[in-house]
Amino acid sequence: MTTVAVLGLGEAGSLIAAGLAQAGAVVNGYDPRVTATGAVRDAADAAQACRGADLVLSVNSAADALDALAQGLPGCAPGTIWADLNTAAPAVKQAVQDAAGHLLVADVALMAPVPPRGLHTPMTVSGPAAQRFALTMRQLGGNVEVIEGPVGAAATHKLLRSVFFKGLAAAVVEALEAAQAAGLHDWLSANIAEELTRANAATVERLVTGSHVHAVRRSHEMEAAAQLLDSLGVPARVSRASRDWLDDLAQRR
């Protein structure tokens, strides 16, 4: 029977831990602020949670990745798989590997929100323990894709995707706040939904090519948009960042 330690029992960690227990694994959980519940066994500290574990999932913040390793390492046997699920820069993932000593490190990226999928959330993994991590998790019902490359490769894929998704979210929120102030929220919301619904591969090409070809004109357009947001009392952070980026594109031509 597989024994898994889950360090970090926030929203993501608790759902994944519960799914692993339901799938038949022995699951030890530790979080200094949260008590494990249900079939997840509550450990007194990280080292205790890791004792006897075949696999350790570190589900913390990027800032806590190295601290979690330092606390759990004394309880880990040689050859234990240490899977770092924290959304951290590749350099942080590499630092975890450098400090892992006798452990086998897997760089894991959660590629979608954990609720409501829990254990079945799509994951990518890279690094020396990628194949073993994927095998263990798949046997328990996990949805894992192996990415060739060292520790940091999975993080790189996820963070590049984050530039798009989080940047898109910021632009949508800023635009809708301004539309609300202008009394046009419903119109713009419907317009955005329509554009996203009909987007395809040609949309990506149009966005890239159009930005390069029309950088000067679009830079002036985004300056006007920023001035509009100023008049509406809405911070024009994304609008001005877009203007500056377009200015940079124009200067490269």
Protein backbone atom coordinates (compact mmCIF):
# COMPACT_ATOMS: atom_id res chain seq x y z
CA MET A 1 0.00 0.00 0.00
CA THR A 2 1.37 3.39 -1.02
CA THR A 3 2.03 5.89 1.77
CA VAL A 4 1.90 9.56 0.85
CA ALA A 5 2.76 12.60 2.96
CA VAL A 6 0.98 15.83 2.10
CA LEU A 7 2.63 18.93 3.52
CA GLY A 8 0.24 21.86 3.29
CA LEU A 9 -3.46 21.31 3.86
CA GLY A 10 -4.91 24.43 2.35
CA GLU A 11 -7.59 24.25 -0.34
CA ALA A 12 -5.45 22.35 -2.86
CA GLY A 13 -3.55 20.14 -0.43
CA SER A 14 -6.59 19.05 1.54
CA LEU A 15 -8.54 18.08 -1.59
CA ILE A 16 -5.63 16.14 -3.08
CA ALA A 17 -4.96 14.43 0.27
CA ALA A 18 -8.61 13.39 0.60
CA GLY A 19 -8.60 12.02 -2.95
CA LEU A 20 -5.46 9.98 -2.30
CA ALA A 21 -6.96 8.51 0.86
CA GLN A 22 -10.17 7.66 -0.98
CA ALA A 23 -8.10 5.94 -3.68
CA GLY A 24 -6.59 3.62 -1.06
CA ALA A 25 -3.32 5.30 -0.13
CA VAL A 26 -2.21 5.80 3.45
CA VAL A 27 -2.04 9.58 3.74
CA ASN A 28 -0.21 11.54 6.44
CA GLY A 29 -0.97 15.25 6.49
CA TYR A 30 0.73 18.18 8.14
CA ASP A 31 0.02 21.87 8.18
CA PRO A 32 0.91 24.17 11.11
CA ARG A 33 -2.40 26.01 10.67
CA VAL A 34 -4.78 23.21 9.63
CA THR A 35 -5.65 19.89 11.24
CA ALA A 36 -6.02 16.90 8.93
CA THR A 37 -9.52 15.45 8.83
CA GLY A 38 -11.32 12.34 7.60
CA ALA A 39 -9.11 9.48 6.46
CA VAL A 40 -5.99 11.71 6.36
CA ARG A 41 -3.83 11.05 9.42
CA ASP A 42 -2.80 14.23 11.23
CA ALA A 43 0.94 14.41 11.95
CA ALA A 44 2.59 16.41 14.72
CA ASP A 45 5.15 17.91 12.35
CA ALA A 46 6.47 17.62 8.81
CA ALA A 47 9.14 15.06 9.66
CA GLN A 48 6.59 12.78 11.31
CA ALA A 49 4.32 13.05 8.28
CA CYS A 50 7.19 11.98 6.03
CA ARG A 51 8.25 8.91 8.01
CA GLY A 52 7.49 5.79 6.03
CA ALA A 53 6.22 7.79 3.02
CA ASP A 54 7.00 6.62 -0.50
CA LEU A 55 5.96 10.00 -1.87
CA VAL A 56 5.86 13.47 -0.34
CA LEU A 57 3.71 16.21 -1.85
CA SER A 58 4.79 19.72 -0.87
CA VAL A 59 1.68 21.85 -1.47
CA ASN A 60 2.66 25.19 0.00
CA SER A 61 3.47 28.66 -1.27
CA ALA A 62 6.61 29.28 -3.27
CA ALA A 63 8.04 31.21 -0.32
CA ASP A 64 7.68 28.13 1.90
CA ALA A 65 9.06 25.53 -0.53
CA LEU A 66 12.55 25.34 0.98
CA ASP A 67 11.29 25.55 4.57
CA ALA A 68 8.91 22.65 3.94
CA LEU A 69 11.79 20.60 2.59
CA ALA A 70 14.03 21.43 5.56
CA GLN A 71 11.29 20.43 8.00
CA GLY A 72 10.31 17.22 6.23
CA LEU A 73 13.77 15.99 5.19
CA PRO A 74 14.73 14.43 8.56
CA GLY A 75 11.75 12.08 8.31
CA CYS A 76 12.39 10.95 4.73
CA ALA A 77 14.16 7.71 3.87
CA PRO A 78 16.71 7.66 1.02
CA GLY A 79 15.00 7.39 -2.35
CA THR A 80 11.74 8.99 -1.22
CA ILE A 81 10.14 11.03 -4.00
CA TRP A 82 9.80 14.69 -3.05
CA ALA A 83 7.22 16.28 -5.32
CA ASP A 84 7.22 20.07 -5.22
CA LEU A 85 3.74 21.26 -6.26
CA ASN A 86 4.37 24.89 -5.33
CA THR A 87 3.92 27.53 -8.03
CA ALA A 88 7.50 28.75 -7.96
CA ALA A 89 10.09 30.00 -10.43
CA PRO A 90 12.39 27.37 -11.97
CA ALA A 91 15.29 28.70 -9.88
CA VAL A 92 13.36 27.90 -6.68
CA LYS A 93 12.61 24.39 -7.96
CA GLN A 94 16.32 23.94 -8.67
CA ALA A 95 17.17 25.15 -5.16
CA VAL A 96 14.83 22.50 -3.76
CA GLN A 97 16.62 19.84 -5.77
CA ASP A 98 20.02 21.11 -4.61
CA ALA A 99 18.92 20.92 -0.97
CA ALA A 100 17.11 17.58 -1.25
CA GLY A 101 20.13 15.41 -0.47
CA HIS A 102 19.15 11.74 -0.69
CA LEU A 103 15.65 12.43 -2.04
CA LEU A 104 14.43 12.15 -5.63
CA VAL A 105 12.84 15.41 -6.72
CA ALA A 106 9.87 15.89 -9.05
CA ASP A 107 8.87 19.36 -10.25
CA VAL A 108 5.07 19.27 -10.43
CA ALA A 109 2.79 21.96 -11.85
CA LEU A 110 -0.95 22.02 -11.26
CA MET A 111 -2.38 23.06 -14.61
CA ALA A 112 -5.93 23.96 -13.52
CA PRO A 113 -7.71 25.06 -10.33
CA VAL A 114 -7.81 22.13 -7.88
CA PRO A 115 -11.48 22.59 -6.90
CA PRO A 116 -13.54 20.73 -7.93
CA ARG A 117 -11.26 18.07 -9.48
CA GLY A 118 -9.02 17.44 -6.46
CA LEU A 119 -6.73 14.49 -7.14
CA HIS A 120 -7.83 14.45 -10.79
CA THR A 121 -6.58 17.99 -11.48
CA PRO A 122 -4.30 17.95 -14.57
CA MET A 123 -0.63 17.99 -13.54
CA THR A 124 2.65 18.15 -15.44
CA VAL A 125 5.91 16.83 -14.00
CA SER A 126 9.59 17.03 -14.89
CA GLY A 127 12.88 16.13 -13.26
CA PRO A 128 14.67 12.93 -12.23
CA ALA A 129 11.67 11.45 -10.40
CA ALA A 130 9.08 12.45 -13.03
CA GLN A 131 8.34 8.96 -14.31
CA ARG A 132 8.10 7.42 -10.85
CA PHE A 133 5.85 10.24 -9.66
CA ALA A 134 3.60 9.83 -12.67
CA LEU A 135 3.37 6.06 -12.22
CA THR A 136 2.46 6.33 -8.54
CA MET A 137 -0.11 9.06 -9.04
CA ARG A 138 -1.71 7.42 -12.07
CA GLN A 139 -2.17 4.21 -10.09
CA LEU A 140 -4.13 6.28 -7.57
CA GLY A 141 -6.21 8.06 -10.21
CA GLY A 142 -4.07 11.13 -10.81
CA ASN A 143 -4.00 12.93 -14.17
CA VAL A 144 -0.29 13.41 -14.88
CA GLU A 145 1.65 14.36 -18.02
CA VAL A 146 5.42 13.87 -18.02
CA ILE A 147 7.46 16.70 -19.56
CA GLU A 148 10.97 15.84 -20.70
CA GLY A 149 13.57 17.98 -19.01
CA PRO A 150 15.08 18.84 -15.65
CA VAL A 151 13.50 20.18 -12.51
CA GLY A 152 12.10 23.56 -13.51
CA ALA A 153 10.75 22.47 -16.90
CA ALA A 154 7.22 21.87 -15.60
CA ALA A 155 7.32 25.19 -13.73
CA THR A 156 8.46 26.96 -16.90
CA HIS A 157 5.51 25.58 -18.87
CA LYS A 158 3.04 26.60 -16.20
CA LEU A 159 4.41 30.11 -15.65
CA LEU A 160 4.50 30.88 -19.36
CA ARG A 161 0.85 29.87 -19.47
CA SER A 162 0.23 32.06 -16.43
CA VAL A 163 1.55 35.12 -18.27
CA PHE A 164 -1.33 34.64 -20.70
CA PHE A 165 -4.14 33.59 -18.36
CA LYS A 166 -3.40 35.96 -15.50
CA GLY A 167 -2.62 38.78 -17.90
CA LEU A 168 -5.89 38.14 -19.70
CA ALA A 169 -7.75 38.11 -16.39
CA ALA A 170 -6.17 41.42 -15.38
CA ALA A 171 -7.16 43.02 -18.69
CA VAL A 172 -10.75 41.73 -18.42
CA VAL A 173 -11.15 42.94 -14.84
CA GLU A 174 -9.71 46.39 -15.63
CA ALA A 175 -11.89 46.77 -18.71
CA LEU A 176 -15.07 45.72 -16.87
CA GLU A 177 -14.36 48.05 -13.96
CA ALA A 178 -14.05 50.91 -16.42
CA ALA A 179 -17.18 49.79 -18.26
CA GLN A 180 -19.07 49.71 -14.96
CA ALA A 181 -18.00 53.28 -14.27
CA ALA A 182 -19.13 54.27 -17.78
CA GLY A 183 -22.48 52.50 -17.47
CA LEU A 184 -21.55 49.95 -20.15
CA HIS A 185 -20.75 46.85 -18.10
CA ASP A 186 -23.35 44.52 -19.65
CA TRP A 187 -22.43 45.54 -23.20
CA LEU A 188 -18.69 45.01 -22.71
CA SER A 189 -19.15 41.76 -20.78
CA ALA A 190 -21.20 40.32 -23.64
CA ASN A 191 -18.66 41.57 -26.18
CA ILE A 192 -15.76 39.92 -24.33
CA ALA A 193 -17.67 36.64 -23.99
CA GLU A 194 -18.42 36.67 -27.73
CA GLU A 195 -14.77 37.26 -28.65
CA LEU A 196 -13.53 34.49 -26.34
CA THR A 197 -16.16 32.04 -27.58
CA ARG A 198 -15.17 32.37 -31.23
CA ALA A 199 -11.38 32.47 -30.64
CA ASN A 200 -9.27 29.86 -32.45
CA ALA A 201 -5.72 29.37 -33.75
CA ALA A 202 -6.24 32.17 -36.27
CA THR A 203 -7.04 34.51 -33.37
CA VAL A 204 -3.59 33.92 -31.88
CA GLU A 205 -1.90 34.66 -35.18
CA ARG A 206 -4.02 37.79 -35.65
CA LEU A 207 -3.11 39.09 -32.20
CA VAL A 208 0.61 38.54 -32.72
CA THR A 209 0.87 39.78 -36.29
CA GLY A 210 -1.48 42.71 -35.77
CA SER A 211 0.43 43.91 -32.71
CA HIS A 212 3.71 44.00 -34.64
CA VAL A 213 2.32 45.55 -37.81
CA HIS A 214 0.15 48.17 -36.09
CA ALA A 215 2.25 48.83 -32.98
CA VAL A 216 2.43 52.62 -33.41
CA ARG A 217 -1.29 53.12 -33.97
CA ARG A 218 -2.25 50.72 -31.20
CA SER A 219 0.13 52.42 -28.78
CA HIS A 220 -1.70 55.71 -29.37
CA GLU A 221 -5.02 53.90 -28.97
CA MET A 222 -3.99 52.48 -25.57
CA GLU A 223 -2.81 55.92 -24.42
CA ALA A 224 -6.29 57.22 -25.25
CA ALA A 225 -7.81 54.27 -23.41
CA ALA A 226 -5.66 55.02 -20.36
CA GLN A 227 -6.80 58.64 -20.41
CA LEU A 228 -10.41 57.46 -20.54
CA LEU A 229 -9.86 55.26 -17.48
CA ASP A 230 -8.25 58.20 -15.69
CA SER A 231 -11.39 60.25 -16.31
CA LEU A 232 -13.53 57.38 -14.97
CA GLY A 233 -11.43 57.07 -11.81
CA VAL A 234 -10.21 53.55 -12.68
CA PRO A 235 -6.48 52.74 -12.38
CA ALA A 236 -5.16 52.12 -15.90
CA ARG A 237 -2.43 49.63 -14.97
CA VAL A 238 -2.99 47.12 -17.77
CA SER A 239 -3.82 49.80 -20.31
CA ARG A 240 -0.59 51.71 -19.69
CA ALA A 241 1.45 48.50 -19.59
CA SER A 242 -0.04 47.64 -23.00
CA ARG A 243 0.85 51.10 -24.30
CA ASP A 244 4.45 50.72 -23.11
CA TRP A 245 4.74 47.24 -24.59
CA LEU A 246 3.43 48.48 -27.96
CA ASP A 247 5.89 51.39 -27.84
CA ASP A 248 8.67 48.85 -27.38
CA LEU A 249 7.42 46.80 -30.33
CA ALA A 250 7.35 49.92 -32.50
CA GLN A 251 10.95 50.77 -31.63
CA ARG A 252 12.13 47.30 -32.66
CA ARG A 253 10.87 47.77 -36.23
